[in-house]
Amino acid sequence: MDKIISKTLSARLKVRSYELDGYGHVNNATYLQYLEYARGEYMKQMGIIFRHDMPDMIRFFVVNANLNFKSPATIDDDLEIIGTVKKIGNTSFTLKQDIYNINTRVLVLDAEVTVVFIDPENKPTRISESYREIFLPFL
């Protein structure tokens, strides 16, 4: 398998009319939802399945999101959100996420999102070795 492909994660979606602002572009806040959707898809691709009824479930909370808007997306645009793990810390990891227009291959947005591991008491907790092993191929 190509090394670059093995290190990337991907999610796709289509822009819907209710996501647009008064200028006919995707509303800035909507991009946070796109990135959240993609992170959920990435977790599935890595084999991490979340069930809210798990008593000892470790959760991931976004603690920082930096978005750079490059080109507007409009109604019915097909978008692909490419992700890689940029950094793995003690209690958090940082994802690089880029949104592309599939048809034009134009970069719509680039983002870095830091996510912290939270235990059932809502306190930061160390990333376990098993999760590190899952994330490392995408670093």
C-alpha atoms as a PDB file:
ATOM      1  CA  MET A   1       0.000   0.000   0.000  1.00  0.00           C
ATOM      2  CA  ASP A   2       1.235   3.490  -0.816  1.00  0.00           C
ATOM      3  CA  LYS A   3       2.738   5.050   2.323  1.00  0.00           C
ATOM      4  CA  ILE A   4       0.953   8.394   1.853  1.00  0.00           C
ATOM      5  CA  ILE A   5      -2.430   6.733   1.404  1.00  0.00           C
ATOM      6  CA  SER A   6      -1.893   4.580   4.489  1.00  0.00           C
ATOM      7  CA  LYS A   7      -1.332   7.721   6.574  1.00  0.00           C
ATOM      8  CA  THR A   8      -4.448   9.638   5.572  1.00  0.00           C
ATOM      9  CA  LEU A   9      -8.063   9.447   6.616  1.00  0.00           C
ATOM     10  CA  SER A  10     -10.967  10.617   4.504  1.00  0.00           C
ATOM     11  CA  ALA A  11     -14.623  11.592   4.739  1.00  0.00           C
ATOM     12  CA  ARG A  12     -16.913  12.972   2.042  1.00  0.00           C
ATOM     13  CA  LEU A  13     -20.062  15.052   2.075  1.00  0.00           C
ATOM     14  CA  LYS A  14     -22.235  17.264  -0.121  1.00  0.00           C
ATOM     15  CA  VAL A  15     -23.017  20.892   0.756  1.00  0.00           C
ATOM     16  CA  ARG A  16     -26.711  21.355   1.572  1.00  0.00           C
ATOM     17  CA  SER A  17     -28.743  24.526   1.057  1.00  0.00           C
ATOM     18  CA  TYR A  18     -29.420  25.153   4.756  1.00  0.00           C
ATOM     19  CA  GLU A  19     -25.658  25.327   5.439  1.00  0.00           C
ATOM     20  CA  LEU A  20     -25.252  28.497   3.369  1.00  0.00           C
ATOM     21  CA  ASP A  21     -24.962  32.075   4.575  1.00  0.00           C
ATOM     22  CA  GLY A  22     -26.505  35.162   2.978  1.00  0.00           C
ATOM     23  CA  TYR A  23     -23.743  35.218   0.356  1.00  0.00           C
ATOM     24  CA  GLY A  24     -24.478  31.682  -0.848  1.00  0.00           C
ATOM     25  CA  HIS A  25     -21.319  30.268   0.768  1.00  0.00           C
ATOM     26  CA  VAL A  26     -21.054  27.626   3.469  1.00  0.00           C
ATOM     27  CA  ASN A  27     -21.410  29.428   6.809  1.00  0.00           C
ATOM     28  CA  ASN A  28     -18.118  29.583   8.723  1.00  0.00           C
ATOM     29  CA  ALA A  29     -19.557  27.780  11.766  1.00  0.00           C
ATOM     30  CA  THR A  30     -20.731  24.901   9.570  1.00  0.00           C
ATOM     31  CA  TYR A  31     -17.137  23.956   8.847  1.00  0.00           C
ATOM     32  CA  LEU A  32     -16.721  22.972  12.503  1.00  0.00           C
ATOM     33  CA  GLN A  33     -19.580  20.508  12.006  1.00  0.00           C
ATOM     34  CA  TYR A  34     -17.931  19.163   8.849  1.00  0.00           C
ATOM     35  CA  LEU A  35     -14.682  18.615  10.750  1.00  0.00           C
ATOM     36  CA  GLU A  36     -16.550  16.912  13.609  1.00  0.00           C
ATOM     37  CA  TYR A  37     -18.345  14.610  11.171  1.00  0.00           C
ATOM     38  CA  ALA A  38     -15.015  13.726   9.553  1.00  0.00           C
ATOM     39  CA  ARG A  39     -13.386  12.951  12.909  1.00  0.00           C
ATOM     40  CA  GLY A  40     -16.192  10.496  13.630  1.00  0.00           C
ATOM     41  CA  GLU A  41     -15.609   8.846  10.261  1.00  0.00           C
ATOM     42  CA  TYR A  42     -11.846   8.740  10.898  1.00  0.00           C
ATOM     43  CA  MET A  43     -12.405   6.926  14.195  1.00  0.00           C
ATOM     44  CA  LYS A  44     -14.477   4.290  12.398  1.00  0.00           C
ATOM     45  CA  GLN A  45     -11.722   3.929   9.775  1.00  0.00           C
ATOM     46  CA  MET A  46      -9.218   3.357  12.600  1.00  0.00           C
ATOM     47  CA  GLY A  47     -11.495   0.755  14.177  1.00  0.00           C
ATOM     48  CA  ILE A  48     -12.581   2.909  17.129  1.00  0.00           C
ATOM     49  CA  ILE A  49     -16.297   2.480  17.747  1.00  0.00           C
ATOM     50  CA  PHE A  50     -18.063   4.674  20.305  1.00  0.00           C
ATOM     51  CA  ARG A  51     -21.018   3.504  22.339  1.00  0.00           C
ATOM     52  CA  HIS A  52     -22.409   5.941  24.871  1.00  0.00           C
ATOM     53  CA  ASP A  53     -23.532   3.167  27.218  1.00  0.00           C
ATOM     54  CA  MET A  54     -19.981   1.990  27.938  1.00  0.00           C
ATOM     55  CA  PRO A  55     -19.334   2.724  31.656  1.00  0.00           C
ATOM     56  CA  ASP A  56     -15.556   3.210  31.354  1.00  0.00           C
ATOM     57  CA  MET A  57     -15.646   4.896  27.984  1.00  0.00           C
ATOM     58  CA  ILE A  58     -12.795   7.272  27.244  1.00  0.00           C
ATOM     59  CA  ARG A  59     -14.061  10.303  25.379  1.00  0.00           C
ATOM     60  CA  PHE A  60     -12.337  12.843  23.158  1.00  0.00           C
ATOM     61  CA  PHE A  61     -13.131  16.545  23.619  1.00  0.00           C
ATOM     62  CA  VAL A  62     -12.010  19.301  21.260  1.00  0.00           C
ATOM     63  CA  VAL A  63      -9.957  21.859  23.181  1.00  0.00           C
ATOM     64  CA  ASN A  64      -8.604  23.917  20.278  1.00  0.00           C
ATOM     65  CA  ALA A  65      -9.604  24.402  16.647  1.00  0.00           C
ATOM     66  CA  ASN A  66      -7.714  26.649  14.236  1.00  0.00           C
ATOM     67  CA  LEU A  67      -9.418  27.083  10.854  1.00  0.00           C
ATOM     68  CA  ASN A  68      -8.032  28.871   7.803  1.00  0.00           C
ATOM     69  CA  PHE A  69     -10.638  29.636   5.150  1.00  0.00           C
ATOM     70  CA  LYS A  70      -9.113  29.392   1.669  1.00  0.00           C
ATOM     71  CA  SER A  71     -11.937  29.220  -0.891  1.00  0.00           C
ATOM     72  CA  PRO A  72     -15.733  29.260  -0.495  1.00  0.00           C
ATOM     73  CA  ALA A  73     -17.847  26.149  -0.886  1.00  0.00           C
ATOM     74  CA  THR A  74     -21.355  26.497  -2.295  1.00  0.00           C
ATOM     75  CA  ILE A  75     -24.538  24.468  -2.693  1.00  0.00           C
ATOM     76  CA  ASP A  76     -24.120  20.913  -4.003  1.00  0.00           C
ATOM     77  CA  ASP A  77     -20.307  21.042  -3.866  1.00  0.00           C
ATOM     78  CA  ASP A  78     -18.866  17.614  -3.141  1.00  0.00           C
ATOM     79  CA  LEU A  79     -16.250  17.939  -0.419  1.00  0.00           C
ATOM     80  CA  GLU A  80     -13.565  15.595   0.850  1.00  0.00           C
ATOM     81  CA  ILE A  81     -12.035  16.079   4.285  1.00  0.00           C
ATOM     82  CA  ILE A  82      -8.544  14.594   4.448  1.00  0.00           C
ATOM     83  CA  GLY A  83      -7.059  14.008   7.886  1.00  0.00           C
ATOM     84  CA  THR A  84      -3.714  13.064   9.370  1.00  0.00           C
ATOM     85  CA  VAL A  85      -2.482  12.885  12.937  1.00  0.00           C
ATOM     86  CA  LYS A  86      -0.013  15.743  13.372  1.00  0.00           C
ATOM     87  CA  LYS A  87       1.017  15.179  16.982  1.00  0.00           C
ATOM     88  CA  ILE A  88       0.384  12.748  19.823  1.00  0.00           C
ATOM     89  CA  GLY A  89       0.885  14.204  23.305  1.00  0.00           C
ATOM     90  CA  ASN A  90       0.409  12.773  26.791  1.00  0.00           C
ATOM     91  CA  THR A  91      -3.334  13.442  27.060  1.00  0.00           C
ATOM     92  CA  SER A  92      -4.144  14.894  23.633  1.00  0.00           C
ATOM     93  CA  PHE A  93      -3.574  14.531  19.932  1.00  0.00           C
ATOM     94  CA  THR A  94      -3.696  17.060  17.110  1.00  0.00           C
ATOM     95  CA  LEU A  95      -5.282  16.368  13.743  1.00  0.00           C
ATOM     96  CA  LYS A  96      -4.564  18.231  10.534  1.00  0.00           C
ATOM     97  CA  GLN A  97      -7.740  18.359   8.472  1.00  0.00           C
ATOM     98  CA  ASP A  98      -7.976  19.762   4.939  1.00  0.00           C
ATOM     99  CA  ILE A  99     -11.249  20.207   3.079  1.00  0.00           C
ATOM    100  CA  TYR A 100     -11.083  19.982  -0.715  1.00  0.00           C
ATOM    101  CA  ASN A 101     -13.681  20.493  -3.418  1.00  0.00           C
ATOM    102  CA  ILE A 102     -13.663  17.039  -5.012  1.00  0.00           C
ATOM    103  CA  ASN A 103     -14.474  18.284  -8.517  1.00  0.00           C
ATOM    104  CA  THR A 104     -11.983  21.166  -8.696  1.00  0.00           C
ATOM    105  CA  ARG A 105      -9.392  19.852  -6.168  1.00  0.00           C
ATOM    106  CA  VAL A 106      -9.290  23.391  -4.740  1.00  0.00           C
ATOM    107  CA  LEU A 107      -8.404  23.644  -1.051  1.00  0.00           C
ATOM    108  CA  VAL A 108     -11.446  25.077   0.717  1.00  0.00           C
ATOM    109  CA  LEU A 109     -10.158  25.063   4.292  1.00  0.00           C
ATOM    110  CA  ASP A 110      -7.237  23.826   6.341  1.00  0.00           C
ATOM    111  CA  ALA A 111      -7.504  23.217  10.056  1.00  0.00           C
ATOM    112  CA  GLU A 112      -5.663  21.907  13.068  1.00  0.00           C
ATOM    113  CA  VAL A 113      -7.800  20.475  15.830  1.00  0.00           C
ATOM    114  CA  THR A 114      -6.489  19.386  19.230  1.00  0.00           C
ATOM    115  CA  VAL A 115      -8.496  16.755  21.039  1.00  0.00           C
ATOM    116  CA  VAL A 116      -7.963  15.733  24.676  1.00  0.00           C
ATOM    117  CA  PHE A 117      -8.756  12.324  26.158  1.00  0.00           C
ATOM    118  CA  ILE A 118     -11.280  12.648  29.011  1.00  0.00           C
ATOM    119  CA  ASP A 119     -12.055   9.973  31.598  1.00  0.00           C
ATOM    120  CA  PRO A 120     -15.565   9.227  32.963  1.00  0.00           C
ATOM    121  CA  GLU A 121     -15.059  11.973  35.602  1.00  0.00           C
ATOM    122  CA  ASN A 122     -14.404  14.559  32.847  1.00  0.00           C
ATOM    123  CA  LYS A 123     -10.713  14.870  33.671  1.00  0.00           C
ATOM    124  CA  PRO A 124      -7.864  14.676  31.138  1.00  0.00           C
ATOM    125  CA  THR A 125      -6.322  11.225  31.071  1.00  0.00           C
ATOM    126  CA  ARG A 126      -3.190   9.770  29.504  1.00  0.00           C
ATOM    127  CA  ILE A 127      -3.497   8.283  26.049  1.00  0.00           C
ATOM    128  CA  SER A 128      -3.135   4.530  26.467  1.00  0.00           C
ATOM    129  CA  GLU A 129      -0.561   2.532  24.522  1.00  0.00           C
ATOM    130  CA  SER A 130      -3.368   0.797  22.627  1.00  0.00           C
ATOM    131  CA  TYR A 131      -4.678   4.144  21.338  1.00  0.00           C
ATOM    132  CA  ARG A 132      -1.135   5.295  20.532  1.00  0.00           C
ATOM    133  CA  GLU A 133      -0.692   2.186  18.391  1.00  0.00           C
ATOM    134  CA  ILE A 134      -3.924   3.008  16.555  1.00  0.00           C
ATOM    135  CA  PHE A 135      -2.872   6.633  15.886  1.00  0.00           C
ATOM    136  CA  LEU A 136       0.804   6.055  14.987  1.00  0.00           C
ATOM    137  CA  PRO A 137       0.261   4.857  11.377  1.00  0.00           C
ATOM    138  CA  PHE A 138      -1.549   8.147  10.667  1.00  0.00           C
ATOM    139  CA  LEU A 139       1.212  10.338  12.146  1.00  0.00           C
END
